[in-house]
Amino acid sequence: MIKHFRVVPAAAVLLAGAWSAGAQGFGGPTAGAVPEGALAPANIAKPRPKPAFDITGTWLHGGGPNNGFRFSPPAGFKLTPAAQAEYDKSQAAAKAGKVYRDDIGQCWPAGLPIIMTRVWPIAMIQKPTAIYMISGFMNSVRIVYLDGRKHTDPDVVIPSFNGESIGQWEGDSLVVDTTGFVDDHHWIDNGIPVSDALHIVERMKLIDNGATLQIETSATDPKSWEGTWSWTKRWRRVDNTDITEASCLPDLNQHLLSTQGNANVR
């Protein structure tokens, strides 16, 4: 039985649904509203400039120019006092041979950017209005909207672990802007939390004649660290790979030391 789930107030769901449908019951269209869903035939049929590329396919993370297969903060990074306190506890736990708040091992979603920096394949399906990404890691789903919508108003957006991603084409690249994150049980690296102020911008492009997907990422979170953290990652096409169903069940993770009560500092 999955122990953790996130409850969203029904009022918030109804409000967000009305907002995304054009706020019909709230005096007409408002900032961030769109007239149709991303998969509505009328929305897909609208004339748009031809995209620079189509990344439909399955991709496997292949490291990058910095930090290899995982993400680590840049040298000399400086955390806010609150984040530093979490990081210090994590470092102390590591010295004691333990882990600090292994939320992923307890089946909390990894969230962005971790799902984009792990060695799990990601299936990407590109439509004219959106790109749907399904990760082999917990089957985490990420959607990048391409239909011209704006970010949902911060007062009504429902925060999530992968945030709300809005993409636009700039030359040979797709620039994706993501906000709207949860502010709890969400980490950017061991012991470094992220907050609802996290803002991620990715510049995606195909290189090597389409065989490699390169993503240059920058991340800011003034509640957790100072300045901008940046990294570049690359994926390679794996046409012989499919994404299968993957469920995270805490009772199946008991063989992992990090999930045990005496090894997981919480």
Protein backbone atom coordinates (compact mmCIF):
# COMPACT_ATOMS: atom_id res chain seq x y z
CA MET A 1 0.00 0.00 0.00
CA ILE A 2 1.39 3.40 -0.94
CA LYS A 3 1.79 5.38 2.22
CA HIS A 4 2.05 8.91 0.86
CA PHE A 5 -0.23 10.88 -1.40
CA ARG A 6 -0.98 14.54 -1.89
CA VAL A 7 -4.51 15.79 -1.24
CA VAL A 8 -5.61 18.79 -3.27
CA PRO A 9 -8.69 20.66 -2.01
CA ALA A 10 -11.69 20.10 -4.29
CA ALA A 11 -12.24 23.85 -4.52
CA ALA A 12 -8.73 24.29 -5.88
CA VAL A 13 -9.32 21.61 -8.53
CA LEU A 14 -12.58 23.21 -9.64
CA LEU A 15 -11.02 26.65 -9.73
CA ALA A 16 -8.00 25.50 -11.70
CA GLY A 17 -10.20 23.56 -14.12
CA ALA A 18 -12.36 26.59 -14.80
CA TRP A 19 -9.28 28.73 -15.19
CA SER A 20 -7.61 26.42 -17.69
CA ALA A 21 -10.84 26.13 -19.67
CA GLY A 22 -10.97 29.86 -20.18
CA ALA A 23 -12.44 30.94 -16.85
CA GLN A 24 -15.96 30.84 -18.35
CA GLY A 25 -17.57 31.20 -14.96
CA PHE A 26 -15.28 33.99 -13.77
CA GLY A 27 -16.11 36.85 -16.12
CA GLY A 28 -14.39 35.66 -19.30
CA PRO A 29 -10.79 34.91 -20.31
CA THR A 30 -8.04 35.86 -17.90
CA ALA A 31 -4.24 35.87 -17.89
CA GLY A 32 -2.90 32.38 -18.38
CA ALA A 33 -6.19 30.97 -19.66
CA VAL A 34 -6.46 28.98 -22.89
CA PRO A 35 -9.66 28.29 -24.87
CA GLU A 36 -8.98 24.59 -25.46
CA GLY A 37 -6.99 21.77 -23.93
CA ALA A 38 -3.66 20.88 -25.48
CA LEU A 39 -5.16 17.82 -27.21
CA ALA A 40 -8.37 19.47 -28.39
CA PRO A 41 -8.62 18.97 -32.19
CA ALA A 42 -9.38 22.67 -32.70
CA ASN A 43 -6.24 23.63 -30.80
CA ILE A 44 -4.02 21.16 -32.67
CA ALA A 45 -5.42 22.32 -36.02
CA LYS A 46 -4.48 25.98 -35.51
CA PRO A 47 -1.80 27.23 -37.93
CA ARG A 48 1.63 27.48 -36.31
CA PRO A 49 5.20 27.93 -37.54
CA LYS A 50 6.93 24.64 -38.22
CA PRO A 51 8.89 23.50 -35.12
CA ALA A 52 12.68 23.34 -35.33
CA PHE A 53 12.64 19.61 -34.54
CA ASP A 54 10.54 16.70 -33.31
CA ILE A 55 11.87 14.82 -30.30
CA THR A 56 9.27 12.07 -30.37
CA GLY A 57 11.07 8.92 -29.29
CA THR A 58 12.71 7.31 -26.29
CA TRP A 59 15.82 8.90 -24.83
CA LEU A 60 18.39 7.63 -22.34
CA HIS A 61 20.46 10.00 -20.23
CA GLY A 62 24.09 9.94 -21.29
CA GLY A 63 25.82 12.32 -18.90
CA GLY A 64 27.07 15.66 -20.11
CA PRO A 65 29.95 18.13 -20.11
CA ASN A 66 29.61 18.59 -16.34
CA ASN A 67 28.46 16.44 -13.40
CA GLY A 68 28.07 13.25 -15.43
CA PHE A 69 24.86 11.34 -14.79
CA ARG A 70 23.73 13.34 -11.80
CA PHE A 71 23.33 16.93 -10.79
CA SER A 72 25.50 18.55 -8.15
CA PRO A 73 25.62 22.22 -7.16
CA PRO A 74 28.42 24.34 -8.62
CA ALA A 75 31.71 24.85 -6.81
CA GLY A 76 31.53 27.55 -4.16
CA PHE A 77 27.73 27.45 -3.95
CA LYS A 78 26.11 29.41 -1.16
CA LEU A 79 22.85 28.36 0.46
CA THR A 80 20.35 30.40 2.43
CA PRO A 81 20.44 29.83 6.21
CA ALA A 82 17.37 27.56 6.12
CA ALA A 83 18.73 25.42 3.27
CA GLN A 84 22.20 25.36 4.84
CA ALA A 85 20.72 23.87 8.01
CA GLU A 86 19.21 21.03 5.96
CA TYR A 87 22.47 20.51 4.09
CA ASP A 88 24.50 20.37 7.32
CA LYS A 89 22.19 17.68 8.70
CA SER A 90 22.61 15.73 5.46
CA GLN A 91 26.38 15.92 5.66
CA ALA A 92 26.34 14.81 9.31
CA ALA A 93 24.12 11.84 8.42
CA ALA A 94 26.48 10.85 5.59
CA LYS A 95 29.45 10.84 7.98
CA ALA A 96 27.47 8.54 10.26
CA GLY A 97 26.82 6.15 7.38
CA LYS A 98 23.18 7.16 7.06
CA VAL A 99 21.07 9.17 4.63
CA TYR A 100 19.05 12.27 5.36
CA ARG A 101 15.36 12.36 4.46
CA ASP A 102 15.33 9.83 1.65
CA ASP A 103 11.91 10.95 0.42
CA ILE A 104 12.34 9.29 -2.97
CA GLY A 105 12.94 5.97 -1.22
CA GLN A 106 9.67 6.57 0.59
CA CYS A 107 7.91 7.03 -2.77
CA TRP A 108 7.59 10.79 -2.82
CA PRO A 109 7.97 11.99 -6.45
CA ALA A 110 11.52 12.96 -7.37
CA GLY A 111 10.34 16.00 -9.31
CA LEU A 112 12.18 18.33 -11.61
CA PRO A 113 15.13 18.54 -12.12
CA ILE A 114 16.03 15.12 -10.67
CA ILE A 115 13.89 13.18 -13.16
CA MET A 116 15.90 14.83 -15.95
CA THR A 117 19.26 13.88 -14.46
CA ARG A 118 18.94 10.19 -13.69
CA VAL A 119 19.78 7.08 -15.70
CA TRP A 120 16.22 6.17 -16.59
CA PRO A 121 14.83 6.34 -20.15
CA ILE A 122 12.22 8.96 -20.96
CA ALA A 123 9.61 8.53 -23.69
CA MET A 124 8.76 11.82 -25.38
CA ILE A 125 5.70 12.35 -27.57
CA GLN A 126 5.60 15.66 -29.42
CA LYS A 127 2.35 17.15 -30.67
CA PRO A 128 1.88 20.64 -32.14
CA THR A 129 0.53 21.88 -28.82
CA ALA A 130 2.53 19.95 -26.21
CA ILE A 131 5.33 17.51 -25.51
CA TYR A 132 4.45 14.64 -23.18
CA MET A 133 7.36 13.09 -21.28
CA ILE A 134 6.96 9.79 -19.43
CA SER A 135 9.93 8.75 -17.34
CA GLY A 136 10.85 5.19 -16.54
CA PHE A 137 11.58 6.55 -13.06
CA MET A 138 8.28 6.13 -11.17
CA ASN A 139 6.47 6.81 -14.49
CA SER A 140 6.73 10.49 -13.65
CA VAL A 141 4.82 12.55 -16.23
CA ARG A 142 5.94 15.93 -17.43
CA ILE A 143 4.09 18.13 -19.94
CA VAL A 144 5.64 21.01 -21.89
CA TYR A 145 2.91 23.19 -23.39
CA LEU A 146 3.61 24.65 -26.84
CA ASP A 147 0.24 26.23 -27.66
CA GLY A 148 1.10 29.80 -26.66
CA ARG A 149 -0.49 29.78 -23.22
CA LYS A 150 1.04 31.75 -20.37
CA HIS A 151 1.86 30.49 -16.91
CA THR A 152 -1.17 30.01 -14.69
CA ASP A 153 -1.72 32.86 -12.27
CA PRO A 154 0.34 32.13 -9.11
CA ASP A 155 -2.78 32.64 -6.98
CA VAL A 156 -4.58 29.66 -8.53
CA VAL A 157 -1.84 27.40 -9.89
CA ILE A 158 -1.79 23.96 -8.27
CA PRO A 159 1.86 23.34 -7.28
CA SER A 160 3.44 20.09 -8.44
CA PHE A 161 6.76 18.28 -8.28
CA ASN A 162 7.46 18.79 -12.00
CA GLY A 163 6.00 22.27 -12.15
CA GLU A 164 4.22 23.94 -15.06
CA SER A 165 6.38 23.98 -18.19
CA ILE A 166 5.75 26.44 -21.02
CA GLY A 167 7.85 26.11 -24.18
CA GLN A 168 8.50 28.39 -27.13
CA TRP A 169 10.68 27.99 -30.22
CA GLU A 170 13.71 30.22 -30.63
CA GLY A 171 15.66 29.43 -33.79
CA ASP A 172 16.94 25.86 -33.62
CA SER A 173 16.12 25.53 -29.90
CA LEU A 174 13.11 24.97 -27.69
CA VAL A 175 13.21 27.17 -24.59
CA VAL A 176 11.18 25.80 -21.68
CA ASP A 177 10.26 27.92 -18.68
CA THR A 178 9.04 26.06 -15.59
CA THR A 179 7.52 27.41 -12.36
CA GLY A 180 4.76 26.34 -9.98
CA PHE A 181 6.63 23.86 -7.79
CA VAL A 182 5.72 22.32 -4.43
CA ASP A 183 7.65 23.56 -1.43
CA ASP A 184 8.00 20.37 0.61
CA HIS A 185 9.56 16.91 0.11
CA HIS A 186 11.27 18.26 -3.01
CA TRP A 187 15.06 18.24 -3.39
CA ILE A 188 17.58 19.30 -6.01
CA ASP A 189 20.35 17.15 -4.52
CA ASN A 190 21.13 15.32 -1.30
CA GLY A 191 20.21 17.62 1.57
CA ILE A 192 19.46 20.65 -0.64
CA PRO A 193 15.74 21.48 -0.68
CA VAL A 194 13.91 23.51 -3.28
CA SER A 195 10.96 25.76 -2.60
CA ASP A 196 7.95 27.17 -4.40
CA ALA A 197 10.29 29.91 -5.67
CA LEU A 198 12.21 27.46 -7.87
CA HIS A 199 12.45 28.67 -11.47
CA ILE A 200 13.98 26.46 -14.15
CA VAL A 201 14.78 27.46 -17.74
CA GLU A 202 15.92 24.82 -20.24
CA ARG A 203 17.26 25.29 -23.76
CA MET A 204 16.74 22.08 -25.71
CA LYS A 205 18.21 21.26 -29.11
CA LEU A 206 19.08 18.25 -31.23
CA ILE A 207 22.72 17.70 -32.17
CA ASP A 208 24.68 14.91 -33.90
CA ASN A 209 22.16 14.81 -36.76
CA GLY A 210 19.32 14.23 -34.35
CA ALA A 211 20.93 11.37 -32.44
CA THR A 212 21.55 13.44 -29.30
CA LEU A 213 19.26 15.70 -27.29
CA GLN A 214 21.16 18.41 -25.45
CA ILE A 215 19.56 20.44 -22.67
CA GLU A 216 21.23 23.47 -21.12
CA THR A 217 19.54 24.22 -17.81
CA SER A 218 19.64 27.14 -15.39
CA ALA A 219 17.91 27.13 -12.01
CA THR A 220 17.24 29.82 -9.42
CA ASP A 221 15.61 29.54 -6.01
CA PRO A 222 16.18 32.60 -3.82
CA LYS A 223 14.67 30.76 -0.85
CA SER A 224 17.33 28.04 -1.02
CA TRP A 225 20.49 29.39 -2.68
CA GLU A 226 22.15 32.47 -4.10
CA GLY A 227 22.58 33.15 -7.80
CA THR A 228 21.93 30.84 -10.75
CA TRP A 229 23.00 27.21 -10.98
CA SER A 230 23.60 25.92 -14.49
CA TRP A 231 24.40 22.56 -16.07
CA THR A 232 24.26 20.80 -19.44
CA LYS A 233 23.02 17.24 -19.98
CA ARG A 234 22.76 15.03 -23.04
CA TRP A 235 20.50 12.14 -24.00
CA ARG A 236 20.85 9.62 -26.82
CA ARG A 237 18.07 7.99 -28.80
CA VAL A 238 17.29 4.41 -27.77
CA ASP A 239 14.90 3.18 -30.44
CA ASN A 240 14.97 -0.36 -29.02
CA THR A 241 13.62 0.73 -25.65
CA ASP A 242 10.06 1.16 -24.37
CA ILE A 243 8.79 2.65 -21.13
CA THR A 244 7.00 0.13 -18.93
CA GLU A 245 4.77 0.55 -15.90
CA ALA A 246 6.73 1.32 -12.74
CA SER A 247 5.19 1.67 -9.29
CA CYS A 248 6.96 2.77 -6.15
CA LEU A 249 5.76 0.78 -3.15
CA PRO A 250 7.49 1.41 0.20
CA ASP A 251 7.17 -2.21 1.32
CA LEU A 252 9.09 -3.30 -1.79
CA ASN A 253 11.92 -0.90 -0.93
CA GLN A 254 12.76 -2.50 2.39
CA HIS A 255 15.89 -4.07 0.91
CA LEU A 256 17.29 -0.55 0.48
CA LEU A 257 19.15 0.53 3.59
CA SER A 258 18.21 4.15 3.04
CA THR A 259 14.53 3.36 3.62
CA GLN A 260 15.10 1.65 6.95
CA GLY A 261 14.24 3.60 10.06
CA ASN A 262 17.70 3.21 11.59
CA ALA A 263 19.48 4.39 8.43
CA ASN A 264 17.17 7.16 7.27
CA VAL A 265 17.48 10.34 9.29
CA ARG A 266 14.22 12.32 9.05
